[in-house]
Amino acid sequence: MERNNSPYENFSDKELVEYYLFILTNIFSGKLSYVMFLETDYLEDIATKRGLYFTYKENIWLSSKNHPILITVSK
């Protein structure tokens, strides 16, 4: 999925990861629909262009006080 002039292109690597986590957290908490996975795919594409690779895993063992998503960023 190719988009031009996206504000995400201007995000720092840290902001990209934080927004990725924000979207995933809200999808899994039910605040956002599963359609938003299209947005996470786009963020992954931007990261890949920068030489970063995002993966995530829903961590069902953590309490609600902890973050339920584990994100791995690799080069």
N, C-alpha and C. Protein backbone atom coordinates (compact mmCIF):
# COMPACT_ATOMS: atom_id res chain seq x y z
N MET A 1 0.85 -1.16 0.00
CA MET A 1 0.00 0.00 0.00
C MET A 1 0.90 1.23 0.00
N GLU A 2 0.87 1.99 -1.06
CA GLU A 2 1.73 3.15 -1.22
C GLU A 2 0.92 4.43 -1.04
N ARG A 3 1.36 5.29 -0.16
CA ARG A 3 0.70 6.58 0.04
C ARG A 3 1.76 7.66 -0.07
N ASN A 4 1.39 8.80 -0.59
CA ASN A 4 2.33 9.91 -0.72
C ASN A 4 1.97 11.00 0.28
N ASN A 5 3.01 11.70 0.74
CA ASN A 5 2.82 12.85 1.62
C ASN A 5 2.10 12.50 2.92
N SER A 6 2.38 11.36 3.46
CA SER A 6 1.77 10.96 4.71
C SER A 6 2.49 11.63 5.88
N PRO A 7 1.74 12.08 6.88
CA PRO A 7 2.40 12.65 8.06
C PRO A 7 3.28 11.63 8.79
N TYR A 8 2.97 10.35 8.62
CA TYR A 8 3.78 9.31 9.26
C TYR A 8 5.22 9.32 8.76
N GLU A 9 5.43 9.75 7.55
CA GLU A 9 6.77 9.81 6.98
C GLU A 9 7.66 10.77 7.77
N ASN A 10 7.03 11.76 8.41
CA ASN A 10 7.78 12.75 9.18
C ASN A 10 8.01 12.33 10.63
N PHE A 11 7.41 11.24 11.06
CA PHE A 11 7.60 10.77 12.43
C PHE A 11 9.05 10.31 12.62
N SER A 12 9.57 10.56 13.81
CA SER A 12 10.86 9.96 14.16
C SER A 12 10.64 8.46 14.36
N ASP A 13 11.71 7.69 14.43
CA ASP A 13 11.57 6.25 14.66
C ASP A 13 10.83 5.99 15.97
N LYS A 14 11.16 6.77 16.99
CA LYS A 14 10.52 6.60 18.29
C LYS A 14 9.02 6.90 18.20
N GLU A 15 8.65 7.97 17.51
CA GLU A 15 7.24 8.32 17.36
C GLU A 15 6.50 7.25 16.56
N LEU A 16 7.17 6.68 15.57
CA LEU A 16 6.56 5.63 14.77
C LEU A 16 6.24 4.41 15.62
N VAL A 17 7.18 4.01 16.47
CA VAL A 17 6.96 2.88 17.37
C VAL A 17 5.84 3.19 18.37
N GLU A 18 5.87 4.38 18.93
CA GLU A 18 4.85 4.75 19.91
C GLU A 18 3.44 4.76 19.29
N TYR A 19 3.33 5.26 18.08
CA TYR A 19 2.02 5.30 17.43
C TYR A 19 1.56 3.89 17.05
N TYR A 20 2.51 3.08 16.62
CA TYR A 20 2.22 1.67 16.31
C TYR A 20 1.67 0.97 17.55
N LEU A 21 2.32 1.18 18.68
CA LEU A 21 1.87 0.61 19.95
C LEU A 21 0.49 1.15 20.34
N PHE A 22 0.30 2.44 20.16
CA PHE A 22 -0.98 3.08 20.48
C PHE A 22 -2.12 2.43 19.68
N ILE A 23 -1.92 2.29 18.39
CA ILE A 23 -2.96 1.70 17.55
C ILE A 23 -3.23 0.25 17.95
N LEU A 24 -2.18 -0.55 18.13
CA LEU A 24 -2.36 -1.95 18.51
C LEU A 24 -3.08 -2.08 19.85
N THR A 25 -2.69 -1.26 20.82
CA THR A 25 -3.31 -1.30 22.14
C THR A 25 -4.81 -1.01 22.03
N ASN A 26 -5.15 -0.03 21.21
CA ASN A 26 -6.56 0.34 21.07
C ASN A 26 -7.35 -0.66 20.24
N ILE A 27 -6.70 -1.35 19.33
CA ILE A 27 -7.39 -2.43 18.60
C ILE A 27 -7.73 -3.57 19.56
N PHE A 28 -6.72 -4.00 20.33
CA PHE A 28 -6.93 -5.14 21.21
C PHE A 28 -7.82 -4.82 22.41
N SER A 29 -7.92 -3.53 22.77
CA SER A 29 -8.81 -3.16 23.87
C SER A 29 -10.24 -2.94 23.38
N GLY A 30 -10.43 -2.94 22.05
CA GLY A 30 -11.76 -2.78 21.49
C GLY A 30 -12.14 -1.34 21.18
N LYS A 31 -11.24 -0.40 21.42
CA LYS A 31 -11.54 1.01 21.13
C LYS A 31 -11.47 1.32 19.64
N LEU A 32 -10.67 0.54 18.91
CA LEU A 32 -10.57 0.69 17.46
C LEU A 32 -10.95 -0.64 16.82
N SER A 33 -11.47 -0.58 15.60
CA SER A 33 -11.86 -1.81 14.92
C SER A 33 -10.64 -2.50 14.31
N TYR A 34 -10.84 -3.75 13.94
CA TYR A 34 -9.76 -4.52 13.33
C TYR A 34 -9.36 -3.99 11.96
N VAL A 35 -10.18 -3.13 11.39
CA VAL A 35 -9.83 -2.48 10.12
C VAL A 35 -8.55 -1.66 10.29
N MET A 36 -8.29 -1.20 11.49
CA MET A 36 -7.10 -0.40 11.75
C MET A 36 -5.81 -1.20 11.59
N PHE A 37 -5.90 -2.51 11.45
CA PHE A 37 -4.70 -3.29 11.15
C PHE A 37 -4.12 -2.86 9.81
N LEU A 38 -4.96 -2.29 8.93
CA LEU A 38 -4.44 -1.74 7.68
C LEU A 38 -3.46 -0.59 7.96
N GLU A 39 -3.77 0.18 8.99
CA GLU A 39 -2.89 1.28 9.38
C GLU A 39 -1.58 0.76 9.96
N THR A 40 -1.65 -0.31 10.74
CA THR A 40 -0.41 -0.88 11.28
C THR A 40 0.43 -1.45 10.16
N ASP A 41 -0.21 -2.01 9.14
CA ASP A 41 0.54 -2.50 7.97
C ASP A 41 1.29 -1.35 7.31
N TYR A 42 0.63 -0.21 7.20
CA TYR A 42 1.27 0.95 6.59
C TYR A 42 2.45 1.44 7.44
N LEU A 43 2.28 1.47 8.75
CA LEU A 43 3.39 1.86 9.63
C LEU A 43 4.55 0.88 9.51
N GLU A 44 4.25 -0.39 9.38
CA GLU A 44 5.30 -1.40 9.17
C GLU A 44 6.03 -1.15 7.86
N ASP A 45 5.31 -0.75 6.81
CA ASP A 45 5.93 -0.44 5.52
C ASP A 45 6.89 0.74 5.64
N ILE A 46 6.49 1.77 6.35
CA ILE A 46 7.34 2.94 6.55
C ILE A 46 8.60 2.53 7.32
N ALA A 47 8.41 1.73 8.36
CA ALA A 47 9.56 1.27 9.15
C ALA A 47 10.51 0.45 8.28
N THR A 48 9.97 -0.41 7.45
CA THR A 48 10.80 -1.24 6.58
C THR A 48 11.63 -0.39 5.64
N LYS A 49 11.06 0.69 5.12
CA LYS A 49 11.82 1.60 4.26
C LYS A 49 13.00 2.22 5.00
N ARG A 50 12.88 2.32 6.32
CA ARG A 50 13.96 2.88 7.15
C ARG A 50 14.92 1.80 7.64
N GLY A 51 14.66 0.57 7.26
CA GLY A 51 15.53 -0.52 7.70
C GLY A 51 15.15 -1.09 9.05
N LEU A 52 13.94 -0.78 9.52
CA LEU A 52 13.44 -1.29 10.79
C LEU A 52 12.33 -2.29 10.50
N TYR A 53 12.18 -3.27 11.36
CA TYR A 53 11.15 -4.29 11.18
C TYR A 53 10.37 -4.42 12.47
N PHE A 54 9.08 -4.19 12.40
CA PHE A 54 8.21 -4.25 13.56
C PHE A 54 7.50 -5.60 13.59
N THR A 55 7.47 -6.21 14.74
CA THR A 55 6.62 -7.36 14.98
C THR A 55 5.97 -7.14 16.34
N TYR A 56 4.84 -7.78 16.56
CA TYR A 56 4.18 -7.63 17.84
C TYR A 56 3.55 -8.95 18.25
N LYS A 57 3.28 -9.04 19.53
CA LYS A 57 2.60 -10.21 20.08
C LYS A 57 1.69 -9.71 21.19
N GLU A 58 0.47 -10.18 21.16
CA GLU A 58 -0.44 -9.84 22.24
C GLU A 58 -0.05 -10.67 23.45
N ASN A 59 0.23 -10.01 24.56
CA ASN A 59 0.68 -10.71 25.76
C ASN A 59 -0.50 -10.87 26.71
N ILE A 60 -1.10 -12.02 26.68
CA ILE A 60 -2.31 -12.25 27.48
C ILE A 60 -2.01 -12.56 28.95
N TRP A 61 -0.74 -12.71 29.29
CA TRP A 61 -0.39 -13.07 30.67
C TRP A 61 -0.21 -11.86 31.56
N LEU A 62 -0.11 -10.67 30.98
CA LEU A 62 0.08 -9.48 31.80
C LEU A 62 -1.24 -9.01 32.38
N SER A 63 -1.16 -8.39 33.54
CA SER A 63 -2.36 -7.83 34.14
C SER A 63 -2.76 -6.58 33.36
N SER A 64 -3.94 -6.08 33.61
CA SER A 64 -4.41 -4.89 32.90
C SER A 64 -3.58 -3.66 33.22
N LYS A 65 -2.82 -3.70 34.32
CA LYS A 65 -1.96 -2.57 34.68
C LYS A 65 -0.73 -2.51 33.77
N ASN A 66 -0.34 -3.64 33.24
CA ASN A 66 0.82 -3.69 32.36
C ASN A 66 0.38 -3.61 30.91
N HIS A 67 1.34 -3.39 30.06
CA HIS A 67 1.00 -3.25 28.64
C HIS A 67 0.78 -4.62 28.03
N PRO A 68 -0.38 -4.82 27.36
CA PRO A 68 -0.70 -6.14 26.82
C PRO A 68 -0.04 -6.46 25.49
N ILE A 69 0.75 -5.53 24.93
CA ILE A 69 1.36 -5.73 23.63
C ILE A 69 2.88 -5.68 23.78
N LEU A 70 3.54 -6.65 23.20
CA LEU A 70 5.01 -6.66 23.18
C LEU A 70 5.42 -6.38 21.74
N ILE A 71 6.17 -5.30 21.54
CA ILE A 71 6.64 -4.93 20.22
C ILE A 71 8.14 -5.16 20.14
N THR A 72 8.56 -5.76 19.04
CA THR A 72 9.98 -5.97 18.79
C THR A 72 10.35 -5.14 17.56
N VAL A 73 11.39 -4.36 17.71
CA VAL A 73 11.92 -3.59 16.58
C VAL A 73 13.32 -4.11 16.31
N SER A 74 13.56 -4.52 15.08
CA SER A 74 14.87 -5.04 14.72
C SER A 74 15.36 -4.39 13.45
N LYS A 75 16.66 -4.44 13.27
CA LYS A 75 17.28 -3.90 12.05
C LYS A 75 17.77 -5.03 11.19
